[in-house]
Protein backbone atom coordinates (compact mmCIF):
# COMPACT_ATOMS: atom_id res chain seq x y z
CA UNK A 1 0.00 0.00 0.00
CA UNK A 2 1.29 3.42 -0.94
CA UNK A 3 0.13 6.99 -0.38
CA UNK A 4 -0.89 8.75 -3.58
CA UNK A 5 -1.99 12.00 -1.91
CA UNK A 6 -1.80 13.39 1.61
CA UNK A 7 -4.66 15.86 1.99
CA UNK A 8 -5.65 18.53 4.50
CA UNK A 9 -8.19 21.33 4.55
CA UNK A 10 -10.46 23.41 6.74
CA UNK A 11 -14.21 23.94 6.23
CA UNK A 12 -15.05 26.22 3.34
CA UNK A 13 -18.14 27.63 1.74
CA UNK A 14 -19.39 25.68 -1.29
CA UNK A 15 -22.23 26.14 -3.77
CA UNK A 16 -24.52 23.27 -4.82
CA UNK A 17 -26.19 22.76 -8.21
CA UNK A 18 -29.17 24.84 -7.08
CA UNK A 19 -26.94 27.80 -6.28
CA UNK A 20 -27.35 27.38 -2.53
CA UNK A 21 -24.34 28.00 -0.31
CA UNK A 22 -23.23 25.55 2.39
CA UNK A 23 -20.12 24.90 4.47
CA UNK A 24 -18.16 21.65 4.51
CA UNK A 25 -14.63 20.42 5.17
CA UNK A 26 -14.85 17.69 2.55
CA UNK A 27 -12.91 19.61 -0.10
CA UNK A 28 -9.25 19.14 0.82
CA UNK A 29 -5.96 19.86 -0.95
CA UNK A 30 -2.93 17.63 -1.26
CA UNK A 31 0.28 18.64 0.46
CA UNK A 32 3.92 17.58 0.23
CA UNK A 33 4.72 18.88 3.72
CA UNK A 34 5.80 16.63 6.56
CA UNK A 35 3.06 16.92 9.20
CA UNK A 36 2.77 15.99 12.86
CA UNK A 37 -0.02 13.45 13.27
CA UNK A 38 -1.65 13.69 16.71
CA UNK A 39 -4.49 11.75 18.32
CA UNK A 40 -6.91 14.35 16.95
CA UNK A 41 -5.53 14.29 13.42
CA UNK A 42 -3.44 16.61 11.25
CA UNK A 43 -2.75 20.36 11.57
CA UNK A 44 -4.80 22.70 9.39
CA UNK A 45 -7.38 19.99 8.85
CA UNK A 46 -10.91 20.00 10.17
CA UNK A 47 -14.59 19.34 9.65
CA UNK A 48 -17.64 21.56 9.85
CA UNK A 49 -19.61 18.74 11.50
CA UNK A 50 -18.61 18.13 15.11
CA UNK A 51 -19.33 14.39 14.82
CA UNK A 52 -16.36 14.02 12.46
CA UNK A 53 -13.85 15.35 14.97
CA UNK A 54 -13.58 12.33 17.29
CA UNK A 55 -10.36 10.35 17.99
CA UNK A 56 -11.74 7.35 16.06
CA UNK A 57 -11.91 9.61 12.98
CA UNK A 58 -8.43 11.11 13.22
CA UNK A 59 -7.60 10.19 9.61
CA UNK A 60 -9.87 9.34 6.70
CA UNK A 61 -8.64 6.90 4.04
CA UNK A 62 -9.99 6.43 0.51
CA UNK A 63 -8.75 4.24 -2.34
CA UNK A 64 -7.24 5.87 -5.40
CA UNK A 65 -8.58 2.99 -7.49
CA UNK A 66 -12.18 4.06 -6.83
CA UNK A 67 -11.84 7.32 -8.75
CA UNK A 68 -12.04 5.57 -12.13
CA UNK A 69 -15.36 3.96 -11.23
CA UNK A 70 -16.93 7.24 -10.15
CA UNK A 71 -15.55 9.03 -13.21
CA UNK A 72 -17.28 6.43 -15.40
CA UNK A 73 -20.54 6.95 -13.50
CA UNK A 74 -20.28 10.73 -13.77
CA UNK A 75 -19.15 10.75 -17.38
CA UNK A 76 -16.22 13.02 -16.54
CA UNK A 77 -13.10 12.92 -14.32
CA UNK A 78 -13.53 13.37 -10.57
CA UNK A 79 -11.08 15.82 -9.04
CA UNK A 80 -8.74 14.14 -6.58
CA UNK A 81 -9.18 14.86 -2.85
CA UNK A 82 -12.95 15.00 -3.47
CA UNK A 83 -14.06 12.38 -0.93
CA UNK A 84 -12.79 14.07 2.20
CA UNK A 85 -9.84 11.72 2.49
CA UNK A 86 -6.65 12.60 4.32
CA UNK A 87 -4.92 9.60 2.79
CA UNK A 88 -5.62 8.66 -0.81
CA UNK A 89 -3.97 5.24 -1.03
CA UNK A 90 -3.27 2.67 -3.69
CA UNK A 91 -3.33 -1.00 -2.81
CA UNK A 92 -5.82 -1.41 0.05
CA UNK A 93 -9.54 -1.25 -0.70
CA UNK A 94 -12.44 -2.05 1.63
CA UNK A 95 -12.08 -5.74 0.70
CA UNK A 96 -8.42 -5.75 1.77
CA UNK A 97 -8.62 -3.88 5.07
CA UNK A 98 -9.94 -5.23 8.38
CA UNK A 99 -11.15 -3.26 11.37
CA UNK A 100 -8.43 -3.38 14.01
CA UNK A 101 -5.56 -3.50 11.51
CA UNK A 102 -2.52 -1.70 12.93
CA UNK A 103 -0.25 0.16 10.53
CA UNK A 104 3.14 1.74 10.81
CA UNK A 105 2.53 5.05 9.01
CA UNK A 106 5.76 7.02 8.80
CA UNK A 107 6.75 7.66 12.41
CA UNK A 108 3.19 7.12 13.64
CA UNK A 109 1.21 3.99 14.46
CA UNK A 110 -2.46 3.95 13.54
CA UNK A 111 -5.38 1.51 13.70
CA UNK A 112 -8.39 1.00 11.43
CA UNK A 113 -11.39 2.00 13.56
CA UNK A 114 -14.50 1.79 11.35
CA UNK A 115 -15.99 2.15 7.88
CA UNK A 116 -16.99 5.59 6.69
CA UNK A 117 -20.74 6.18 6.74
CA UNK A 118 -21.33 8.40 3.75
CA UNK A 119 -23.83 11.23 3.43
CA UNK A 120 -25.10 13.41 0.60
CA UNK A 121 -22.46 16.12 1.10
CA UNK A 122 -20.10 14.62 -1.50
CA UNK A 123 -22.74 14.63 -4.21
CA UNK A 124 -23.88 18.09 -3.22
CA UNK A 125 -20.37 19.51 -3.38
CA UNK A 126 -19.57 17.79 -6.72
CA UNK A 127 -23.03 18.64 -8.06
CA UNK A 128 -23.63 14.93 -8.67
CA UNK A 129 -26.91 14.00 -6.93
CA UNK A 130 -26.47 10.27 -7.67
CA UNK A 131 -23.08 10.05 -5.96
CA UNK A 132 -24.38 8.59 -2.68
CA UNK A 133 -26.24 5.89 -4.64
CA UNK A 134 -23.09 5.03 -6.58
CA UNK A 135 -21.07 4.78 -3.37
CA UNK A 136 -23.54 2.41 -1.72
CA UNK A 137 -23.97 0.41 -4.91
CA UNK A 138 -20.32 -0.68 -4.72
CA UNK A 139 -19.70 -0.05 -1.00
CA UNK A 140 -16.76 2.19 -1.89
CA UNK A 141 -17.02 4.14 1.35
CA UNK A 142 -13.51 4.55 2.68
CA UNK A 143 -12.61 4.04 6.34
CA UNK A 144 -11.20 5.81 9.38
CA UNK A 145 -8.04 5.47 11.48
CA UNK A 146 -7.36 6.20 15.13
CA UNK A 147 -3.86 7.18 16.23
CA UNK A 148 -2.09 4.86 18.67
CA UNK A 149 1.27 6.60 18.52
CA UNK A 150 1.84 10.14 17.26
CA UNK A 151 4.57 11.03 14.79
CA UNK A 152 5.58 12.76 11.58
CA UNK A 153 3.98 11.60 8.32
CA UNK A 154 4.21 12.77 4.71
CA UNK A 155 3.11 11.69 1.26
CA UNK A 156 6.42 9.79 1.04
CA UNK A 157 5.77 7.78 4.22
CA UNK A 158 5.65 4.02 3.97
CA UNK A 159 2.59 2.16 5.22
CA UNK A 160 3.12 -1.31 6.65
CA UNK A 161 0.44 -3.48 8.24
CA UNK A 162 2.12 -4.79 11.39
CA UNK A 163 -0.82 -6.51 13.09
CA UNK A 164 -4.24 -7.92 12.09
CA UNK A 165 -6.15 -8.96 15.24
CA UNK A 166 -9.59 -9.37 13.58
CA UNK A 167 -9.07 -10.89 10.11
CA UNK A 168 -12.70 -11.98 9.75
CA UNK A 169 -14.13 -8.46 9.74
CA UNK A 170 -13.15 -6.55 6.61
CA UNK A 171 -14.46 -3.03 6.05
CA UNK A 172 -16.49 -4.37 3.14
CA UNK A 173 -18.12 -7.05 5.29
CA UNK A 174 -19.14 -4.46 7.87
CA UNK A 175 -20.58 -2.26 5.11
CA UNK A 176 -22.51 -5.16 3.65
CA UNK A 177 -23.90 -6.03 7.07
CA UNK A 178 -25.02 -2.47 7.68
CA UNK A 179 -26.57 -1.71 4.31
CA UNK A 180 -27.26 -4.87 2.32
CA UNK A 181 -27.28 -8.08 4.38
CA UNK A 182 -29.11 -7.33 7.58
CA UNK A 183 -28.49 -10.05 10.14
CA UNK A 184 -28.96 -9.30 13.84
CA UNK A 185 -26.90 -12.28 14.94
CA UNK A 186 -23.93 -11.25 12.80
CA UNK A 187 -24.34 -7.64 13.88
CA UNK A 188 -24.13 -8.77 17.52
CA UNK A 189 -20.89 -10.58 16.67
CA UNK A 190 -19.51 -7.53 14.88
CA UNK A 191 -20.35 -5.24 17.78
CA UNK A 192 -18.49 -7.55 20.15
CA UNK A 193 -15.24 -6.65 18.36
CA UNK A 194 -13.36 -4.40 20.77
CA UNK A 195 -11.38 -2.67 18.03
CA UNK A 196 -14.54 -1.48 16.23
CA UNK A 197 -15.52 2.09 17.09
CA UNK A 198 -18.31 2.57 19.63
CA UNK A 199 -19.71 5.28 17.36
CA UNK A 200 -20.19 2.78 14.55
CA UNK A 201 -21.79 0.24 16.87
CA UNK A 202 -24.30 2.76 18.21
CA UNK A 203 -25.19 3.97 14.73
CA UNK A 204 -25.53 0.40 13.45
CA UNK A 205 -28.08 -0.55 16.10
CA UNK A 206 -30.01 2.65 15.46
CA UNK A 207 -30.30 1.67 11.80
CA UNK A 208 -31.30 -1.89 12.71
CA UNK A 209 -34.26 -0.73 14.81
């Protein structure tokens, strides 16, 4: 797995296809700077929604390979850094990554905490109202990392998976369970996984009610 882009950005005002203004931190810009990764994330990076600022969402990861699929759906290229990702990576998609995976990321150590639950903000910002449908169609959601050990990272940092404590629970399997294959028994098993974010567990049971 390699880093294609390292992205940061603060909330900015955007305009949707109806000409209405709104504020979101989803539009980030890539940087070549070496940055100090802390338990709360990266400097000069933030979200307009308070819910996105928790330690289990310190870094957002999205696969570079997904951009081609969405470009085909949209009929035109999708600008990079469009999915709110801090790390745009090549090599690890939702099928390859398991919750609880521990990575050496530059000088830092991070852990996969949960899948990303997507909302309509991406489509609104890109003026593509079908975007959320396309994401859920393929379960190309991305995922979040928590920081176990702080340190300097950059776009040149190596990423090495050093531990996989829960190999049975890929990000894709959790997405499928939440959105496509409802099974209360399996959901109980998933929510027993200590490494899975409490936020995701609470939201999952709310959706199962």
